[in-house]
PDB file of all heavy atoms in Angstrom:
ATOM      1  N   GLU A   1      -3.860  -6.459  11.360  1.00  0.00           N
ATOM      2  CA  GLU A   1      -4.711  -6.584  10.177  1.00  0.00           C
ATOM      3  C   GLU A   1      -5.272  -5.251   9.677  1.00  0.00           C
ATOM      4  O   GLU A   1      -6.245  -5.225   8.939  1.00  0.00           O
ATOM      5  CB  GLU A   1      -5.833  -7.599  10.407  1.00  0.00           C
ATOM      6  CG  GLU A   1      -5.303  -9.000  10.685  1.00  0.00           C
ATOM      7  CD  GLU A   1      -6.385 -10.020  10.955  1.00  0.00           C
ATOM      8  OE1 GLU A   1      -7.567  -9.646  11.076  1.00  0.00           O
ATOM      9  OE2 GLU A   1      -6.039 -11.214  11.053  1.00  0.00           O
ATOM     10  N   THR A   2      -4.620  -4.137  10.046  1.00  0.00           N
ATOM     11  CA  THR A   2      -4.993  -2.847   9.460  1.00  0.00           C
ATOM     12  C   THR A   2      -4.458  -2.808   8.035  1.00  0.00           C
ATOM     13  O   THR A   2      -3.289  -3.078   7.792  1.00  0.00           O
ATOM     14  CB  THR A   2      -4.405  -1.678  10.273  1.00  0.00           C
ATOM     15  OG1 THR A   2      -4.894  -1.755  11.614  1.00  0.00           O
ATOM     16  CG2 THR A   2      -4.793  -0.338   9.667  1.00  0.00           C
ATOM     17  N   ALA A   3      -5.321  -2.484   7.089  1.00  0.00           N
ATOM     18  CA  ALA A   3      -4.945  -2.491   5.672  1.00  0.00           C
ATOM     19  C   ALA A   3      -4.495  -1.110   5.210  1.00  0.00           C
ATOM     20  O   ALA A   3      -5.171  -0.109   5.456  1.00  0.00           O
ATOM     21  CB  ALA A   3      -6.120  -2.953   4.824  1.00  0.00           C
ATOM     22  N   TYR A   4      -3.334  -1.086   4.558  1.00  0.00           N
ATOM     23  CA  TYR A   4      -2.787   0.134   3.966  1.00  0.00           C
ATOM     24  C   TYR A   4      -2.548  -0.121   2.479  1.00  0.00           C
ATOM     25  O   TYR A   4      -2.177  -1.222   2.080  1.00  0.00           O
ATOM     26  CB  TYR A   4      -1.467   0.524   4.641  1.00  0.00           C
ATOM     27  CG  TYR A   4      -1.631   0.934   6.078  1.00  0.00           C
ATOM     28  CD1 TYR A   4      -1.358   0.046   7.102  1.00  0.00           C
ATOM     29  CD2 TYR A   4      -2.058   2.216   6.409  1.00  0.00           C
ATOM     30  CE1 TYR A   4      -1.511   0.424   8.433  1.00  0.00           C
ATOM     31  CE2 TYR A   4      -2.210   2.603   7.733  1.00  0.00           C
ATOM     32  CZ  TYR A   4      -1.930   1.702   8.735  1.00  0.00           C
ATOM     33  OH  TYR A   4      -2.078   2.074  10.049  1.00  0.00           O
ATOM     34  N   THR A   5      -2.725   0.916   1.682  1.00  0.00           N
ATOM     35  CA  THR A   5      -2.555   0.808   0.236  1.00  0.00           C
ATOM     36  C   THR A   5      -1.344   1.604  -0.217  1.00  0.00           C
ATOM     37  O   THR A   5      -1.186   2.766   0.168  1.00  0.00           O
ATOM     38  CB  THR A   5      -3.800   1.344  -0.498  1.00  0.00           C
ATOM     39  OG1 THR A   5      -4.954   0.649  -0.029  1.00  0.00           O
ATOM     40  CG2 THR A   5      -3.676   1.167  -2.005  1.00  0.00           C
ATOM     41  N   ALA A   6      -0.506   0.966  -1.024  1.00  0.00           N
ATOM     42  CA  ALA A   6       0.610   1.656  -1.673  1.00  0.00           C
ATOM     43  C   ALA A   6       0.208   1.902  -3.119  1.00  0.00           C
ATOM     44  O   ALA A   6      -0.229   0.981  -3.820  1.00  0.00           O
ATOM     45  CB  ALA A   6       1.878   0.822  -1.614  1.00  0.00           C
ATOM     46  N   ILE A   7       0.336   3.157  -3.557  1.00  0.00           N
ATOM     47  CA  ILE A   7       0.023   3.519  -4.934  1.00  0.00           C
ATOM     48  C   ILE A   7       1.307   4.081  -5.544  1.00  0.00           C
ATOM     49  O   ILE A   7       1.846   5.079  -5.071  1.00  0.00           O
ATOM     50  CB  ILE A   7      -1.105   4.568  -5.005  1.00  0.00           C
ATOM     51  CG1 ILE A   7      -2.312   4.092  -4.182  1.00  0.00           C
ATOM     52  CG2 ILE A   7      -1.508   4.829  -6.464  1.00  0.00           C
ATOM     53  CD1 ILE A   7      -3.211   5.190  -3.722  1.00  0.00           C
ATOM     54  N   TRP A   8       1.799   3.391  -6.574  1.00  0.00           N
ATOM     55  CA  TRP A   8       3.032   3.782  -7.245  1.00  0.00           C
ATOM     56  C   TRP A   8       2.687   4.539  -8.525  1.00  0.00           C
ATOM     57  O   TRP A   8       1.817   4.120  -9.286  1.00  0.00           O
ATOM     58  CB  TRP A   8       3.839   2.550  -7.632  1.00  0.00           C
ATOM     59  CG  TRP A   8       4.279   1.663  -6.511  1.00  0.00           C
ATOM     60  CD1 TRP A   8       3.585   0.637  -5.954  1.00  0.00           C
ATOM     61  CD2 TRP A   8       5.539   1.698  -5.835  1.00  0.00           C
ATOM     62  NE1 TRP A   8       4.336   0.028  -4.971  1.00  0.00           N
ATOM     63  CE2 TRP A   8       5.539   0.662  -4.876  1.00  0.00           C
ATOM     64  CE3 TRP A   8       6.675   2.501  -5.946  1.00  0.00           C
ATOM     65  CZ2 TRP A   8       6.625   0.410  -4.041  1.00  0.00           C
ATOM     66  CZ3 TRP A   8       7.748   2.249  -5.116  1.00  0.00           C
ATOM     67  CH2 TRP A   8       7.721   1.219  -4.175  1.00  0.00           C
ATOM     68  N   TYR A   9       3.406   5.637  -8.764  1.00  0.00           N
ATOM     69  CA  TYR A   9       3.246   6.426  -9.980  1.00  0.00           C
ATOM     70  C   TYR A   9       4.613   6.581 -10.645  1.00  0.00           C
ATOM     71  O   TYR A   9       5.626   6.716  -9.960  1.00  0.00           O
ATOM     72  CB  TYR A   9       2.738   7.836  -9.667  1.00  0.00           C
ATOM     73  CG  TYR A   9       1.392   7.888  -8.988  1.00  0.00           C
ATOM     74  CD1 TYR A   9       1.292   7.825  -7.598  1.00  0.00           C
ATOM     75  CD2 TYR A   9       0.223   8.030  -9.724  1.00  0.00           C
ATOM     76  CE1 TYR A   9       0.065   7.892  -6.965  1.00  0.00           C
ATOM     77  CE2 TYR A   9      -1.014   8.095  -9.097  1.00  0.00           C
ATOM     78  CZ  TYR A   9      -1.086   8.030  -7.712  1.00  0.00           C
ATOM     79  OH  TYR A   9      -2.308   8.105  -7.090  1.00  0.00           O
ATOM     80  N   LEU A  10       4.622   6.590 -11.952  1.00  0.00           N
ATOM     81  CA  LEU A  10       5.824   6.930 -12.710  1.00  0.00           C
ATOM     82  C   LEU A  10       5.439   8.076 -13.632  1.00  0.00           C
ATOM     83  O   LEU A  10       4.527   7.923 -14.471  1.00  0.00           O
ATOM     84  CB  LEU A  10       6.339   5.733 -13.513  1.00  0.00           C
ATOM     85  CG  LEU A  10       7.663   5.960 -14.220  1.00  0.00           C
ATOM     86  CD1 LEU A  10       8.786   6.248 -13.220  1.00  0.00           C
ATOM     87  CD2 LEU A  10       8.036   4.771 -15.082  1.00  0.00           C
ATOM     88  N   ASP A  11       6.095   9.216 -13.456  1.00  0.00           N
ATOM     89  CA  ASP A  11       5.778  10.431 -14.209  1.00  0.00           C
ATOM     90  C   ASP A  11       4.275  10.741 -14.144  1.00  0.00           C
ATOM     91  O   ASP A  11       3.626  10.988 -15.165  1.00  0.00           O
ATOM     92  CB  ASP A  11       6.256  10.317 -15.655  1.00  0.00           C
ATOM     93  CG  ASP A  11       7.772  10.249 -15.744  1.00  0.00           C
ATOM     94  OD1 ASP A  11       8.448  10.833 -14.871  1.00  0.00           O
ATOM     95  OD2 ASP A  11       8.280   9.604 -16.689  1.00  0.00           O
ATOM     96  N   ASP A  12       3.727  10.683 -12.937  1.00  0.00           N
ATOM     97  CA  ASP A  12       2.322  11.017 -12.634  1.00  0.00           C
ATOM     98  C   ASP A  12       1.302  10.043 -13.236  1.00  0.00           C
ATOM     99  O   ASP A  12       0.108  10.338 -13.262  1.00  0.00           O
ATOM    100  CB  ASP A  12       1.990  12.455 -13.054  1.00  0.00           C
ATOM    101  CG  ASP A  12       2.738  13.476 -12.228  1.00  0.00           C
ATOM    102  OD1 ASP A  12       2.893  13.252 -11.007  1.00  0.00           O
ATOM    103  OD2 ASP A  12       3.172  14.497 -12.792  1.00  0.00           O
ATOM    104  N   ARG A  13       1.725   8.884 -13.669  1.00  0.00           N
ATOM    105  CA  ARG A  13       0.810   7.858 -14.187  1.00  0.00           C
ATOM    106  C   ARG A  13       0.851   6.673 -13.238  1.00  0.00           C
ATOM    107  O   ARG A  13       1.922   6.135 -12.941  1.00  0.00           O
ATOM    108  CB  ARG A  13       1.241   7.428 -15.595  1.00  0.00           C
ATOM    109  CG  ARG A  13       0.291   6.447 -16.267  1.00  0.00           C
ATOM    110  CD  ARG A  13       0.769   6.069 -17.666  1.00  0.00           C
ATOM    111  NE  ARG A  13       2.105   5.504 -17.682  1.00  0.00           N
ATOM    112  CZ  ARG A  13       2.376   4.212 -17.472  1.00  0.00           C
ATOM    113  NH1 ARG A  13       1.409   3.358 -17.212  1.00  0.00           N
ATOM    114  NH2 ARG A  13       3.613   3.781 -17.525  1.00  0.00           N
ATOM    115  N   GLU A  14      -0.320   6.276 -12.736  1.00  0.00           N
ATOM    116  CA  GLU A  14      -0.365   5.148 -11.803  1.00  0.00           C
ATOM    117  C   GLU A  14       0.089   3.869 -12.500  1.00  0.00           C
ATOM    118  O   GLU A  14      -0.405   3.535 -13.580  1.00  0.00           O
ATOM    119  CB  GLU A  14      -1.778   4.949 -11.242  1.00  0.00           C
ATOM    120  CG  GLU A  14      -1.837   3.858 -10.202  1.00  0.00           C
ATOM    121  CD  GLU A  14      -3.208   3.698  -9.566  1.00  0.00           C
ATOM    122  OE1 GLU A  14      -3.907   4.716  -9.350  1.00  0.00           O
ATOM    123  OE2 GLU A  14      -3.579   2.549  -9.288  1.00  0.00           O
ATOM    124  N   ILE A  15       1.053   3.171 -11.874  1.00  0.00           N
ATOM    125  CA  ILE A  15       1.568   1.937 -12.472  1.00  0.00           C
ATOM    126  C   ILE A  15       1.291   0.704 -11.597  1.00  0.00           C
ATOM    127  O   ILE A  15       1.355  -0.416 -12.086  1.00  0.00           O
ATOM    128  CB  ILE A  15       3.076   2.035 -12.783  1.00  0.00           C
ATOM    129  CG1 ILE A  15       3.884   2.390 -11.537  1.00  0.00           C
ATOM    130  CG2 ILE A  15       3.316   3.033 -13.903  1.00  0.00           C
ATOM    131  CD1 ILE A  15       5.397   2.344 -11.740  1.00  0.00           C
ATOM    132  N   LYS A  16       1.000   0.912 -10.312  1.00  0.00           N
ATOM    133  CA  LYS A  16       0.724  -0.237  -9.455  1.00  0.00           C
ATOM    134  C   LYS A  16      -0.010   0.222  -8.203  1.00  0.00           C
ATOM    135  O   LYS A  16       0.256   1.299  -7.678  1.00  0.00           O
ATOM    136  CB  LYS A  16       2.021  -0.948  -9.057  1.00  0.00           C
ATOM    137  CG  LYS A  16       1.799  -2.208  -8.245  1.00  0.00           C
ATOM    138  CD  LYS A  16       3.088  -2.943  -7.948  1.00  0.00           C
ATOM    139  CE  LYS A  16       2.800  -4.214  -7.159  1.00  0.00           C
ATOM    140  NZ  LYS A  16       4.005  -4.947  -6.837  1.00  0.00           N
ATOM    141  N   ARG A  17      -0.920  -0.630  -7.728  1.00  0.00           N
ATOM    142  CA  ARG A  17      -1.649  -0.398  -6.485  1.00  0.00           C
ATOM    143  C   ARG A  17      -1.659  -1.719  -5.728  1.00  0.00           C
ATOM    144  O   ARG A  17      -1.973  -2.759  -6.296  1.00  0.00           O
ATOM    145  CB  ARG A  17      -3.066   0.055  -6.814  1.00  0.00           C
ATOM    146  CG  ARG A  17      -3.920   0.387  -5.623  1.00  0.00           C
ATOM    147  CD  ARG A  17      -5.283   0.876  -6.079  1.00  0.00           C
ATOM    148  NE  ARG A  17      -5.175   2.165  -6.739  1.00  0.00           N
ATOM    149  CZ  ARG A  17      -5.616   3.305  -6.232  1.00  0.00           C
ATOM    150  NH1 ARG A  17      -6.199   3.305  -5.056  1.00  0.00           N
ATOM    151  NH2 ARG A  17      -5.482   4.432  -6.889  1.00  0.00           N
ATOM    152  N   GLU A  18      -1.284  -1.663  -4.457  1.00  0.00           N
ATOM    153  CA  GLU A  18      -1.152  -2.891  -3.674  1.00  0.00           C
ATOM    154  C   GLU A  18      -1.628  -2.649  -2.243  1.00  0.00           C
ATOM    155  O   GLU A  18      -1.252  -1.663  -1.615  1.00  0.00           O
ATOM    156  CB  GLU A  18       0.320  -3.308  -3.668  1.00  0.00           C
ATOM    157  CG  GLU A  18       0.619  -4.574  -2.934  1.00  0.00           C
ATOM    158  CD  GLU A  18       2.093  -4.947  -3.018  1.00  0.00           C
ATOM    159  OE1 GLU A  18       2.939  -4.099  -3.386  1.00  0.00           O
ATOM    160  OE2 GLU A  18       2.398  -6.092  -2.688  1.00  0.00           O
ATOM    161  N   ILE A  19      -2.457  -3.550  -1.739  1.00  0.00           N
ATOM    162  CA  ILE A  19      -2.966  -3.469  -0.373  1.00  0.00           C
ATOM    163  C   ILE A  19      -2.311  -4.565   0.463  1.00  0.00           C
ATOM    164  O   ILE A  19      -2.289  -5.724   0.057  1.00  0.00           O
ATOM    165  CB  ILE A  19      -4.498  -3.634  -0.327  1.00  0.00           C
ATOM    166  CG1 ILE A  19      -5.167  -2.530  -1.135  1.00  0.00           C
ATOM    167  CG2 ILE A  19      -5.001  -3.637   1.120  1.00  0.00           C
ATOM    168  CD1 ILE A  19      -6.657  -2.721  -1.332  1.00  0.00           C
ATOM    169  N   LYS A  20      -1.786  -4.154   1.602  1.00  0.00           N
ATOM    170  CA  LYS A  20      -1.209  -5.110   2.549  1.00  0.00           C
ATOM    171  C   LYS A  20      -1.696  -4.767   3.948  1.00  0.00           C
ATOM    172  O   LYS A  20      -1.973  -3.606   4.249  1.00  0.00           O
ATOM    173  CB  LYS A  20       0.320  -5.098   2.522  1.00  0.00           C
ATOM    174  CG  LYS A  20       0.908  -5.689   1.258  1.00  0.00           C
ATOM    175  CD  LYS A  20       2.405  -5.878   1.385  1.00  0.00           C
ATOM    176  CE  LYS A  20       2.964  -6.578   0.161  1.00  0.00           C
ATOM    177  NZ  LYS A  20       4.400  -6.843   0.306  1.00  0.00           N
ATOM    178  N   GLU A  21      -1.758  -5.797   4.800  1.00  0.00           N
ATOM    179  CA  GLU A  21      -2.202  -5.614   6.178  1.00  0.00           C
ATOM    180  C   GLU A  21      -1.047  -5.794   7.147  1.00  0.00           C
ATOM    181  O   GLU A  21      -0.120  -6.570   6.890  1.00  0.00           O
ATOM    182  CB  GLU A  21      -3.281  -6.643   6.529  1.00  0.00           C
ATOM    183  CG  GLU A  21      -4.565  -6.477   5.761  1.00  0.00           C
ATOM    184  CD  GLU A  21      -5.611  -7.504   6.162  1.00  0.00           C
ATOM    185  OE1 GLU A  21      -5.287  -8.467   6.887  1.00  0.00           O
ATOM    186  OE2 GLU A  21      -6.766  -7.327   5.748  1.00  0.00           O
ATOM    187  N   THR A  22      -1.136  -5.088   8.280  1.00  0.00           N
ATOM    188  CA  THR A  22      -0.152  -5.287   9.334  1.00  0.00           C
ATOM    189  C   THR A  22      -0.348  -6.689   9.911  1.00  0.00           C
ATOM    190  O   THR A  22      -1.470  -7.180  10.024  1.00  0.00           O
ATOM    191  CB  THR A  22      -0.298  -4.231  10.448  1.00  0.00           C
ATOM    192  OG1 THR A  22      -1.636  -4.231  10.927  1.00  0.00           O
ATOM    193  CG2 THR A  22       0.071  -2.854   9.948  1.00  0.00           C
ATOM    194  N   GLU A  23       0.747  -7.333  10.245  1.00  0.00           N
ATOM    195  CA  GLU A  23       0.698  -8.682  10.815  1.00  0.00           C
ATOM    196  C   GLU A  23       0.867  -8.672  12.323  1.00  0.00           C
ATOM    197  O   GLU A  23       0.577  -9.663  12.986  1.00  0.00           O
ATOM    198  CB  GLU A  23       1.779  -9.555  10.175  1.00  0.00           C
ATOM    199  CG  GLU A  23       1.559  -9.781   8.693  1.00  0.00           C
ATOM    200  CD  GLU A  23       2.659 -10.602   8.053  1.00  0.00           C
ATOM    201  OE1 GLU A  23       3.623 -10.986   8.751  1.00  0.00           O
ATOM    202  OE2 GLU A  23       2.560 -10.860   6.845  1.00  0.00           O
ATOM    203  N   ASN A  24       1.378  -7.554  12.859  1.00  0.00           N
ATOM    204  CA  ASN A  24       1.591  -7.430  14.300  1.00  0.00           C
ATOM    205  C   ASN A  24       0.699  -6.333  14.849  1.00  0.00           C
ATOM    206  O   ASN A  24       0.280  -5.432  14.129  1.00  0.00           O
ATOM    207  CB  ASN A  24       3.060  -7.104  14.603  1.00  0.00           C
ATOM    208  CG  ASN A  24       3.975  -8.221  14.152  1.00  0.00           C
ATOM    209  OD1 ASN A  24       3.809  -9.367  14.518  1.00  0.00           O
ATOM    210  ND2 ASN A  24       4.945  -7.877  13.318  1.00  0.00           N
ATOM    211  N   ASP A  25       0.432  -6.392  16.138  1.00  0.00           N
ATOM    212  CA  ASP A  25      -0.421  -5.409  16.775  1.00  0.00           C
ATOM    213  C   ASP A  25       0.381  -4.169  17.177  1.00  0.00           C
ATOM    214  O   ASP A  25       1.470  -4.285  17.738  1.00  0.00           O
ATOM    215  CB  ASP A  25      -1.087  -6.033  18.013  1.00  0.00           C
ATOM    216  CG  ASP A  25      -2.257  -5.222  18.506  1.00  0.00           C
ATOM    217  OD1 ASP A  25      -2.887  -4.531  17.686  1.00  0.00           O
ATOM    218  OD2 ASP A  25      -2.556  -5.285  19.715  1.00  0.00           O
ATOM    219  N   MET A  26      -0.130  -3.012  16.873  1.00  0.00           N
ATOM    220  CA  MET A  26       0.354  -1.687  17.260  1.00  0.00           C
ATOM    221  C   MET A  26       1.556  -1.167  16.477  1.00  0.00           C
ATOM    222  O   MET A  26       1.678   0.030  16.311  1.00  0.00           O
ATOM    223  CB  MET A  26       0.614  -1.592  18.771  1.00  0.00           C
ATOM    224  CG  MET A  26      -0.648  -1.833  19.587  1.00  0.00           C
ATOM    225  SD  MET A  26      -2.136  -0.989  18.953  1.00  0.00           S
ATOM    226  CE  MET A  26      -1.770   0.703  19.300  1.00  0.00           C
ATOM    227  N   GLN A  27       2.473  -1.997  16.011  1.00  0.00           N
ATOM    228  CA  GLN A  27       3.525  -1.510  15.110  1.00  0.00           C
ATOM    229  C   GLN A  27       4.043  -2.658  14.266  1.00  0.00           C
ATOM    230  O   GLN A  27       4.080  -3.799  14.701  1.00  0.00           O
ATOM    231  CB  GLN A  27       4.651  -0.810  15.857  1.00  0.00           C
ATOM    232  CG  GLN A  27       5.494  -1.643  16.754  1.00  0.00           C
ATOM    233  CD  GLN A  27       6.656  -0.807  17.299  1.00  0.00           C
ATOM    234  OE1 GLN A  27       7.094   0.166  16.702  1.00  0.00           O
ATOM    235  NE2 GLN A  27       7.148  -1.199  18.452  1.00  0.00           N
TER     236      GLN A  27
END
C-alpha cells in the first residue's frame, strides 16, 4: 500500500497524474 505517483508530460505540459499503491509487500 505504498503510494507512488506517475506524472505524464507531453512537450513539457502535464497531461495526466495518477496515484497507485503497491499491492504486494516489499516488491
